[in-house]
PDB file of N, CA and C in Angstrom:
ATOM      1  N   MET A   1       0.871  -1.162  -0.001  1.00  0.00           N
ATOM      2  CA  MET A   1       0.052  -0.033  -0.037  1.00  0.00           C
ATOM      3  C   MET A   1       0.844   1.229  -0.030  1.00  0.00           C
ATOM      4  N   ALA A   2       0.596   2.220  -0.785  1.00  0.00           N
ATOM      5  CA  ALA A   2       1.378   3.407  -0.960  1.00  0.00           C
ATOM      6  C   ALA A   2       0.902   4.390   0.209  1.00  0.00           C
ATOM      7  N   SER A   3       1.928   5.115   0.604  1.00  0.00           N
ATOM      8  CA  SER A   3       1.689   6.228   1.540  1.00  0.00           C
ATOM      9  C   SER A   3       2.220   7.454   1.040  1.00  0.00           C
ATOM     10  N   LEU A   4       1.814   8.613   1.506  1.00  0.00           N
ATOM     11  CA  LEU A   4       2.183   9.935   1.045  1.00  0.00           C
ATOM     12  C   LEU A   4       2.911  10.629   2.145  1.00  0.00           C
ATOM     13  N   GLY A   5       3.985  11.395   1.821  1.00  0.00           N
ATOM     14  CA  GLY A   5       4.650  12.259   2.693  1.00  0.00           C
ATOM     15  C   GLY A   5       4.679  13.578   2.179  1.00  0.00           C
ATOM     16  N   ILE A   6       4.282  14.610   3.064  1.00  0.00           N
ATOM     17  CA  ILE A   6       4.070  15.977   2.618  1.00  0.00           C
ATOM     18  C   ILE A   6       4.979  16.834   3.592  1.00  0.00           C
ATOM     19  N   LEU A   7       5.847  17.730   2.843  1.00  0.00           N
ATOM     20  CA  LEU A   7       6.708  18.417   3.571  1.00  0.00           C
ATOM     21  C   LEU A   7       6.604  19.883   2.964  1.00  0.00           C
ATOM     22  N   GLU A   8       6.413  20.891   3.817  1.00  0.00           N
ATOM     23  CA  GLU A   8       6.232  22.326   3.340  1.00  0.00           C
ATOM     24  C   GLU A   8       7.359  23.162   4.011  1.00  0.00           C
ATOM     25  N   THR A   9       7.905  24.014   3.225  1.00  0.00           N
ATOM     26  CA  THR A   9       8.874  24.968   3.658  1.00  0.00           C
ATOM     27  C   THR A   9       8.442  26.359   3.248  1.00  0.00           C
ATOM     28  N   ARG A  10       9.098  27.317   3.828  1.00  0.00           N
ATOM     29  CA  ARG A  10       8.960  28.719   3.318  1.00  0.00           C
ATOM     30  C   ARG A  10      10.276  29.018   2.636  1.00  0.00           C
ATOM     31  N   GLY A  11      10.291  29.058   1.339  1.00  0.00           N
ATOM     32  CA  GLY A  11      11.493  29.336   0.540  1.00  0.00           C
ATOM     33  C   GLY A  11      11.872  28.129  -0.169  1.00  0.00           C
ATOM     34  N   GLU A  12      12.504  28.406  -1.300  1.00  0.00           N
ATOM     35  CA  GLU A  12      12.924  27.268  -2.227  1.00  0.00           C
ATOM     36  C   GLU A  12      14.255  26.658  -1.712  1.00  0.00           C
ATOM     37  N   THR A  13      15.174  27.300  -1.127  1.00  0.00           N
ATOM     38  CA  THR A  13      16.432  26.701  -0.567  1.00  0.00           C
ATOM     39  C   THR A  13      16.193  25.537   0.367  1.00  0.00           C
ATOM     40  N   GLY A  14      15.336  25.845   1.279  1.00  0.00           N
ATOM     41  CA  GLY A  14      14.998  24.740   2.336  1.00  0.00           C
ATOM     42  C   GLY A  14      14.375  23.595   1.618  1.00  0.00           C
ATOM     43  N   LEU A  15      13.437  23.858   0.664  1.00  0.00           N
ATOM     44  CA  LEU A  15      12.766  22.876  -0.048  1.00  0.00           C
ATOM     45  C   LEU A  15      13.703  21.976  -0.910  1.00  0.00           C
ATOM     46  N   MET A  16      14.576  22.641  -1.547  1.00  0.00           N
ATOM     47  CA  MET A  16      15.633  21.851  -2.327  1.00  0.00           C
ATOM     48  C   MET A  16      16.519  20.919  -1.496  1.00  0.00           C
ATOM     49  N   GLN A  17      16.935  21.408  -0.398  1.00  0.00           N
ATOM     50  CA  GLN A  17      17.664  20.667   0.586  1.00  0.00           C
ATOM     51  C   GLN A  17      16.905  19.491   1.142  1.00  0.00           C
ATOM     52  N   ALA A  18      15.717  19.818   1.450  1.00  0.00           N
ATOM     53  CA  ALA A  18      14.713  18.769   2.094  1.00  0.00           C
ATOM     54  C   ALA A  18      14.506  17.713   1.019  1.00  0.00           C
ATOM     55  N   THR A  19      14.161  18.113  -0.201  1.00  0.00           N
ATOM     56  CA  THR A  19      13.756  17.155  -1.269  1.00  0.00           C
ATOM     57  C   THR A  19      15.015  16.270  -1.611  1.00  0.00           C
ATOM     58  N   ASP A  20      16.305  16.876  -1.636  1.00  0.00           N
ATOM     59  CA  ASP A  20      17.435  16.101  -1.900  1.00  0.00           C
ATOM     60  C   ASP A  20      17.669  15.014  -0.770  1.00  0.00           C
ATOM     61  N   ALA A  21      17.461  15.503   0.468  1.00  0.00           N
ATOM     62  CA  ALA A  21      17.669  14.575   1.581  1.00  0.00           C
ATOM     63  C   ALA A  21      16.760  13.393   1.560  1.00  0.00           C
ATOM     64  N   MET A  22      15.394  13.740   1.174  1.00  0.00           N
ATOM     65  CA  MET A  22      14.369  12.694   1.101  1.00  0.00           C
ATOM     66  C   MET A  22      14.626  11.581   0.171  1.00  0.00           C
ATOM     67  N   LEU A  23      15.046  12.077  -1.037  1.00  0.00           N
ATOM     68  CA  LEU A  23      15.262  11.181  -2.102  1.00  0.00           C
ATOM     69  C   LEU A  23      16.508  10.314  -1.963  1.00  0.00           C
ATOM     70  N   LYS A  24      17.453  10.868  -1.137  1.00  0.00           N
ATOM     71  CA  LYS A  24      18.670   9.991  -0.828  1.00  0.00           C
ATOM     72  C   LYS A  24      18.522   9.168   0.361  1.00  0.00           C
ATOM     73  N   ALA A  25      17.560   9.488   1.220  1.00  0.00           N
ATOM     74  CA  ALA A  25      17.401   8.711   2.467  1.00  0.00           C
ATOM     75  C   ALA A  25      16.587   7.393   2.336  1.00  0.00           C
ATOM     76  N   ALA A  26      15.682   7.376   1.343  1.00  0.00           N
ATOM     77  CA  ALA A  26      14.775   6.204   1.185  1.00  0.00           C
ATOM     78  C   ALA A  26      14.327   6.045  -0.221  1.00  0.00           C
ATOM     79  N   ASP A  27      13.805   4.924  -0.465  1.00  0.00           N
ATOM     80  CA  ASP A  27      13.201   4.607  -1.811  1.00  0.00           C
ATOM     81  C   ASP A  27      11.826   5.169  -1.870  1.00  0.00           C
ATOM     82  N   VAL A  28      11.729   6.514  -2.288  1.00  0.00           N
ATOM     83  CA  VAL A  28      10.498   7.199  -2.384  1.00  0.00           C
ATOM     84  C   VAL A  28      10.469   7.810  -3.821  1.00  0.00           C
ATOM     85  N   LYS A  29       9.276   7.979  -4.269  1.00  0.00           N
ATOM     86  CA  LYS A  29       9.105   8.703  -5.576  1.00  0.00           C
ATOM     87  C   LYS A  29       8.614  10.122  -5.334  1.00  0.00           C
ATOM     88  N   LEU A  30       9.203  11.071  -6.037  1.00  0.00           N
ATOM     89  CA  LEU A  30       8.850  12.432  -6.006  1.00  0.00           C
ATOM     90  C   LEU A  30       7.567  12.587  -6.835  1.00  0.00           C
ATOM     91  N   VAL A  31       6.446  12.910  -6.112  1.00  0.00           N
ATOM     92  CA  VAL A  31       5.136  12.969  -6.860  1.00  0.00           C
ATOM     93  C   VAL A  31       4.881  14.386  -7.466  1.00  0.00           C
ATOM     94  N   LYS A  32       5.073  15.435  -6.618  1.00  0.00           N
ATOM     95  CA  LYS A  32       4.699  16.745  -6.992  1.00  0.00           C
ATOM     96  C   LYS A  32       5.359  17.844  -6.107  1.00  0.00           C
ATOM     97  N   SER A  33       5.705  18.890  -6.639  1.00  0.00           N
ATOM     98  CA  SER A  33       6.061  20.065  -5.953  1.00  0.00           C
ATOM     99  C   SER A  33       5.051  21.200  -6.169  1.00  0.00           C
ATOM    100  N   ILE A  34       4.614  21.812  -5.229  1.00  0.00           N
ATOM    101  CA  ILE A  34       3.424  22.865  -5.399  1.00  0.00           C
ATOM    102  C   ILE A  34       3.885  24.108  -4.754  1.00  0.00           C
ATOM    103  N   ALA A  35       3.977  25.248  -5.557  1.00  0.00           N
ATOM    104  CA  ALA A  35       4.216  26.529  -5.031  1.00  0.00           C
ATOM    105  C   ALA A  35       2.972  27.067  -4.569  1.00  0.00           C
ATOM    106  N   ILE A  36       2.831  27.316  -3.271  1.00  0.00           N
ATOM    107  CA  ILE A  36       1.549  27.670  -2.634  1.00  0.00           C
ATOM    108  C   ILE A  36       1.360  29.268  -2.773  1.00  0.00           C
ATOM    109  N   GLY A  37       2.381  29.973  -2.686  1.00  0.00           N
ATOM    110  CA  GLY A  37       2.390  31.462  -2.797  1.00  0.00           C
ATOM    111  C   GLY A  37       2.932  32.009  -1.515  1.00  0.00           C
ATOM    112  N   GLY A  38       3.365  33.276  -1.558  1.00  0.00           N
ATOM    113  CA  GLY A  38       3.964  33.808  -0.355  1.00  0.00           C
ATOM    114  C   GLY A  38       5.333  33.197   0.061  1.00  0.00           C
ATOM    115  N   GLY A  39       5.912  32.480  -0.795  1.00  0.00           N
ATOM    116  CA  GLY A  39       7.212  31.787  -0.507  1.00  0.00           C
ATOM    117  C   GLY A  39       7.037  30.377  -0.060  1.00  0.00           C
ATOM    118  N   TYR A  40       5.769  29.973   0.313  1.00  0.00           N
ATOM    119  CA  TYR A  40       5.591  28.660   0.791  1.00  0.00           C
ATOM    120  C   TYR A  40       5.481  27.561  -0.417  1.00  0.00           C
ATOM    121  N   VAL A  41       6.231  26.404  -0.201  1.00  0.00           N
ATOM    122  CA  VAL A  41       6.285  25.425  -1.242  1.00  0.00           C
ATOM    123  C   VAL A  41       6.170  24.119  -0.515  1.00  0.00           C
ATOM    124  N   THR A  42       5.387  23.250  -1.167  1.00  0.00           N
ATOM    125  CA  THR A  42       5.180  21.836  -0.636  1.00  0.00           C
ATOM    126  C   THR A  42       5.625  20.861  -1.586  1.00  0.00           C
ATOM    127  N   VAL A  43       6.157  19.796  -1.062  1.00  0.00           N
ATOM    128  CA  VAL A  43       6.659  18.691  -1.921  1.00  0.00           C
ATOM    129  C   VAL A  43       5.960  17.446  -1.400  1.00  0.00           C
ATOM    130  N   ILE A  44       5.596  16.539  -2.314  1.00  0.00           N
ATOM    131  CA  ILE A  44       4.881  15.284  -1.960  1.00  0.00           C
ATOM    132  C   ILE A  44       5.726  14.075  -2.458  1.00  0.00           C
ATOM    133  N   VAL A  45       6.030  13.147  -1.609  1.00  0.00           N
ATOM    134  CA  VAL A  45       6.603  11.900  -2.014  1.00  0.00           C
ATOM    135  C   VAL A  45       5.795  10.670  -1.662  1.00  0.00           C
ATOM    136  N   GLN A  46       5.960   9.639  -2.398  1.00  0.00           N
ATOM    137  CA  GLN A  46       5.197   8.437  -2.290  1.00  0.00           C
ATOM    138  C   GLN A  46       6.037   7.228  -2.074  1.00  0.00           C
ATOM    139  N   GLY A  47       5.617   6.361  -1.303  1.00  0.00           N
ATOM    140  CA  GLY A  47       6.356   4.988  -1.232  1.00  0.00           C
ATOM    141  C   GLY A  47       5.704   4.150  -0.159  1.00  0.00           C
ATOM    142  N   ASP A  48       6.368   3.132   0.341  1.00  0.00           N
ATOM    143  CA  ASP A  48       5.926   2.352   1.403  1.00  0.00           C
ATOM    144  C   ASP A  48       6.027   3.159   2.698  1.00  0.00           C
ATOM    145  N   VAL A  49       5.275   2.826   3.727  1.00  0.00           N
ATOM    146  CA  VAL A  49       5.123   3.593   4.985  1.00  0.00           C
ATOM    147  C   VAL A  49       6.487   3.892   5.582  1.00  0.00           C
ATOM    148  N   GLY A  50       7.293   2.864   5.779  1.00  0.00           N
ATOM    149  CA  GLY A  50       8.568   2.984   6.399  1.00  0.00           C
ATOM    150  C   GLY A  50       9.519   3.867   5.676  1.00  0.00           C
ATOM    151  N   SER A  51       9.533   3.770   4.234  1.00  0.00           N
ATOM    152  CA  SER A  51      10.448   4.581   3.409  1.00  0.00           C
ATOM    153  C   SER A  51      10.011   5.968   3.410  1.00  0.00           C
ATOM    154  N   VAL A  52       8.673   6.289   3.413  1.00  0.00           N
ATOM    155  CA  VAL A  52       8.093   7.680   3.479  1.00  0.00           C
ATOM    156  C   VAL A  52       8.525   8.311   4.836  1.00  0.00           C
ATOM    157  N   LYS A  53       8.292   7.535   5.943  1.00  0.00           N
ATOM    158  CA  LYS A  53       8.606   8.034   7.303  1.00  0.00           C
ATOM    159  C   LYS A  53      10.154   8.470   7.353  1.00  0.00           C
ATOM    160  N   ALA A  54      10.935   7.517   6.886  1.00  0.00           N
ATOM    161  CA  ALA A  54      12.386   7.819   6.882  1.00  0.00           C
ATOM    162  C   ALA A  54      12.628   9.047   5.941  1.00  0.00           C
ATOM    163  N   ALA A  55      12.041   9.050   4.865  1.00  0.00           N
ATOM    164  CA  ALA A  55      12.283  10.272   3.933  1.00  0.00           C
ATOM    165  C   ALA A  55      11.867  11.656   4.619  1.00  0.00           C
ATOM    166  N   ILE A  56      10.616  11.604   5.133  1.00  0.00           N
ATOM    167  CA  ILE A  56      10.080  12.814   5.800  1.00  0.00           C
ATOM    168  C   ILE A  56      11.016  13.272   6.894  1.00  0.00           C
ATOM    169  N   ASP A  57      11.407  12.314   7.724  1.00  0.00           N
ATOM    170  CA  ASP A  57      12.318  12.593   8.986  1.00  0.00           C
ATOM    171  C   ASP A  57      13.588  13.343   8.388  1.00  0.00           C
ATOM    172  N   ALA A  58      14.202  12.659   7.456  1.00  0.00           N
ATOM    173  CA  ALA A  58      15.461  13.274   6.821  1.00  0.00           C
ATOM    174  C   ALA A  58      15.151  14.643   6.157  1.00  0.00           C
ATOM    175  N   GLY A  59      14.135  14.729   5.497  1.00  0.00           N
ATOM    176  CA  GLY A  59      13.853  16.037   4.840  1.00  0.00           C
ATOM    177  C   GLY A  59      13.432  17.084   5.784  1.00  0.00           C
ATOM    178  N   ALA A  60      12.875  16.788   6.805  1.00  0.00           N
ATOM    179  CA  ALA A  60      12.505  17.877   7.844  1.00  0.00           C
ATOM    180  C   ALA A  60      13.752  18.432   8.564  1.00  0.00           C
ATOM    181  N   GLU A  61      14.612  17.470   8.828  1.00  0.00           N
ATOM    182  CA  GLU A  61      15.907  17.789   9.526  1.00  0.00           C
ATOM    183  C   GLU A  61      16.727  18.676   8.613  1.00  0.00           C
ATOM    184  N   ALA A  62      16.863  18.274   7.362  1.00  0.00           N
ATOM    185  CA  ALA A  62      17.749  18.998   6.348  1.00  0.00           C
ATOM    186  C   ALA A  62      17.050  20.335   5.985  1.00  0.00           C
ATOM    187  N   GLY A  63      15.835  20.302   5.739  1.00  0.00           N
ATOM    188  CA  GLY A  63      15.106  21.504   5.282  1.00  0.00           C
ATOM    189  C   GLY A  63      15.092  22.644   6.382  1.00  0.00           C
ATOM    190  N   GLY A  64      14.886  22.141   7.622  1.00  0.00           N
ATOM    191  CA  GLY A  64      14.921  22.973   8.814  1.00  0.00           C
ATOM    192  C   GLY A  64      16.375  23.690   9.088  1.00  0.00           C
ATOM    193  N   ARG A  65      17.395  22.976   8.620  1.00  0.00           N
ATOM    194  CA  ARG A  65      18.745  23.498   8.877  1.00  0.00           C
ATOM    195  C   ARG A  65      19.037  24.680   8.100  1.00  0.00           C
ATOM    196  N   VAL A  66      18.553  24.729   6.829  1.00  0.00           N
ATOM    197  CA  VAL A  66      18.900  25.852   5.917  1.00  0.00           C
ATOM    198  C   VAL A  66      17.686  26.691   5.529  1.00  0.00           C
ATOM    199  N   GLY A  67      16.468  26.455   5.937  1.00  0.00           N
ATOM    200  CA  GLY A  67      15.352  27.244   5.761  1.00  0.00           C
ATOM    201  C   GLY A  67      14.345  27.130   6.856  1.00  0.00           C
ATOM    202  N   GLU A  68      13.160  27.514   6.546  1.00  0.00           N
ATOM    203  CA  GLU A  68      12.036  27.416   7.540  1.00  0.00           C
ATOM    204  C   GLU A  68      11.150  26.349   7.224  1.00  0.00           C
ATOM    205  N   LEU A  69      11.151  25.306   8.088  1.00  0.00           N
ATOM    206  CA  LEU A  69      10.225  24.084   7.959  1.00  0.00           C
ATOM    207  C   LEU A  69       8.878  24.575   8.459  1.00  0.00           C
ATOM    208  N   VAL A  70       7.864  24.414   7.702  1.00  0.00           N
ATOM    209  CA  VAL A  70       6.453  24.741   8.109  1.00  0.00           C
ATOM    210  C   VAL A  70       5.739  23.535   8.621  1.00  0.00           C
ATOM    211  N   ALA A  71       5.783  22.419   7.819  1.00  0.00           N
ATOM    212  CA  ALA A  71       5.134  21.147   8.228  1.00  0.00           C
ATOM    213  C   ALA A  71       5.748  19.935   7.570  1.00  0.00           C
ATOM    214  N   ALA A  72       5.622  18.877   8.257  1.00  0.00           N
ATOM    215  CA  ALA A  72       6.006  17.553   7.763  1.00  0.00           C
ATOM    216  C   ALA A  72       5.040  16.522   8.186  1.00  0.00           C
ATOM    217  N   HIS A  73       4.525  15.709   7.330  1.00  0.00           N
ATOM    218  CA  HIS A  73       3.457  14.755   7.685  1.00  0.00           C
ATOM    219  C   HIS A  73       3.440  13.590   6.832  1.00  0.00           C
ATOM    220  N   VAL A  74       3.113  12.427   7.365  1.00  0.00           N
ATOM    221  CA  VAL A  74       2.995  11.139   6.649  1.00  0.00           C
ATOM    222  C   VAL A  74       1.577  10.697   6.748  1.00  0.00           C
ATOM    223  N   ILE A  75       0.988  10.371   5.537  1.00  0.00           N
ATOM    224  CA  ILE A  75      -0.335   9.718   5.513  1.00  0.00           C
ATOM    225  C   ILE A  75      -0.166   8.275   5.210  1.00  0.00           C
ATOM    226  N   PRO A  76      -0.247   7.352   6.139  1.00  0.00           N
ATOM    227  CA  PRO A  76       0.107   5.994   5.930  1.00  0.00           C
ATOM    228  C   PRO A  76      -0.800   5.264   4.840  1.00  0.00           C
ATOM    229  N   ARG A  77      -2.015   5.417   4.877  1.00  0.00           N
ATOM    230  CA  ARG A  77      -2.851   4.687   3.910  1.00  0.00           C
ATOM    231  C   ARG A  77      -3.872   5.749   3.380  1.00  0.00           C
ATOM    232  N   PRO A  78      -3.455   6.502   2.421  1.00  0.00           N
ATOM    233  CA  PRO A  78      -4.359   7.538   1.860  1.00  0.00           C
ATOM    234  C   PRO A  78      -5.444   6.896   1.089  1.00  0.00           C
ATOM    235  N   HIS A  79      -6.694   7.582   1.002  1.00  0.00           N
ATOM    236  CA  HIS A  79      -7.757   7.043   0.228  1.00  0.00           C
ATOM    237  C   HIS A  79      -7.305   7.252  -1.244  1.00  0.00           C
ATOM    238  N   ASP A  80      -7.764   6.322  -2.092  1.00  0.00           N
ATOM    239  CA  ASP A  80      -7.451   6.263  -3.477  1.00  0.00           C
ATOM    240  C   ASP A  80      -7.766   7.573  -4.219  1.00  0.00           C
ATOM    241  N   ALA A  81      -8.865   8.307  -3.750  1.00  0.00           N
ATOM    242  CA  ALA A  81      -9.277   9.560  -4.346  1.00  0.00           C
ATOM    243  C   ALA A  81      -8.133  10.638  -4.036  1.00  0.00           C
ATOM    244  N   LEU A  82      -7.535  10.574  -2.888  1.00  0.00           N
ATOM    245  CA  LEU A  82      -6.477  11.437  -2.601  1.00  0.00           C
ATOM    246  C   LEU A  82      -5.195  11.190  -3.323  1.00  0.00           C
ATOM    247  N   LEU A  83      -4.861   9.956  -3.507  1.00  0.00           N
ATOM    248  CA  LEU A  83      -3.686   9.628  -4.417  1.00  0.00           C
ATOM    249  C   LEU A  83      -3.969  10.106  -5.858  1.00  0.00           C
ATOM    250  N   ALA A  84      -5.123   9.899  -6.329  1.00  0.00           N
ATOM    251  CA  ALA A  84      -5.488  10.268  -7.730  1.00  0.00           C
ATOM    252  C   ALA A  84      -5.467  11.763  -7.850  1.00  0.00           C
ATOM    253  N   SER A  85      -5.832  12.526  -6.873  1.00  0.00           N
ATOM    254  CA  SER A  85      -5.865  14.022  -6.924  1.00  0.00           C
ATOM    255  C   SER A  85      -4.464  14.624  -7.103  1.00  0.00           C
ATOM    256  N   PHE A  86      -3.454  13.863  -6.665  1.00  0.00           N
ATOM    257  CA  PHE A  86      -1.996  14.352  -6.765  1.00  0.00           C
ATOM    258  C   PHE A  86      -1.330  13.629  -7.914  1.00  0.00           C
ATOM    259  N   GLY A  87      -1.958  12.726  -8.621  1.00  0.00           N
ATOM    260  CA  GLY A  87      -1.387  12.093  -9.727  1.00  0.00           C
ATOM    261  C   GLY A  87      -0.517  10.915  -9.237  1.00  0.00           C
ATOM    262  N   ALA A  88      -0.670  10.439  -8.067  1.00  0.00           N
ATOM    263  CA  ALA A  88       0.157   9.376  -7.560  1.00  0.00           C
ATOM    264  C   ALA A  88      -0.357   8.046  -7.820  1.00  0.00           C
TER     265      ALA A  88
END
């Protein structure tokens, strides 16, 4: 079962650092990056629950080091409609 990881930062630098760390830390797929506005950017990754949790933990630590981490969350078993809405 796929799970989703959502990480939001304020600023591109933190997001790039976080995304790099997530993709290196675990076997996850980058689903989408969304510019919210006002400098807020969200990135979504997908994979098995353990991998997504490891990726979000690594991304939150890395993103918070060089930028402003706003939120980091793992959805273990998202509804199929939620997955479809993000193209996952």
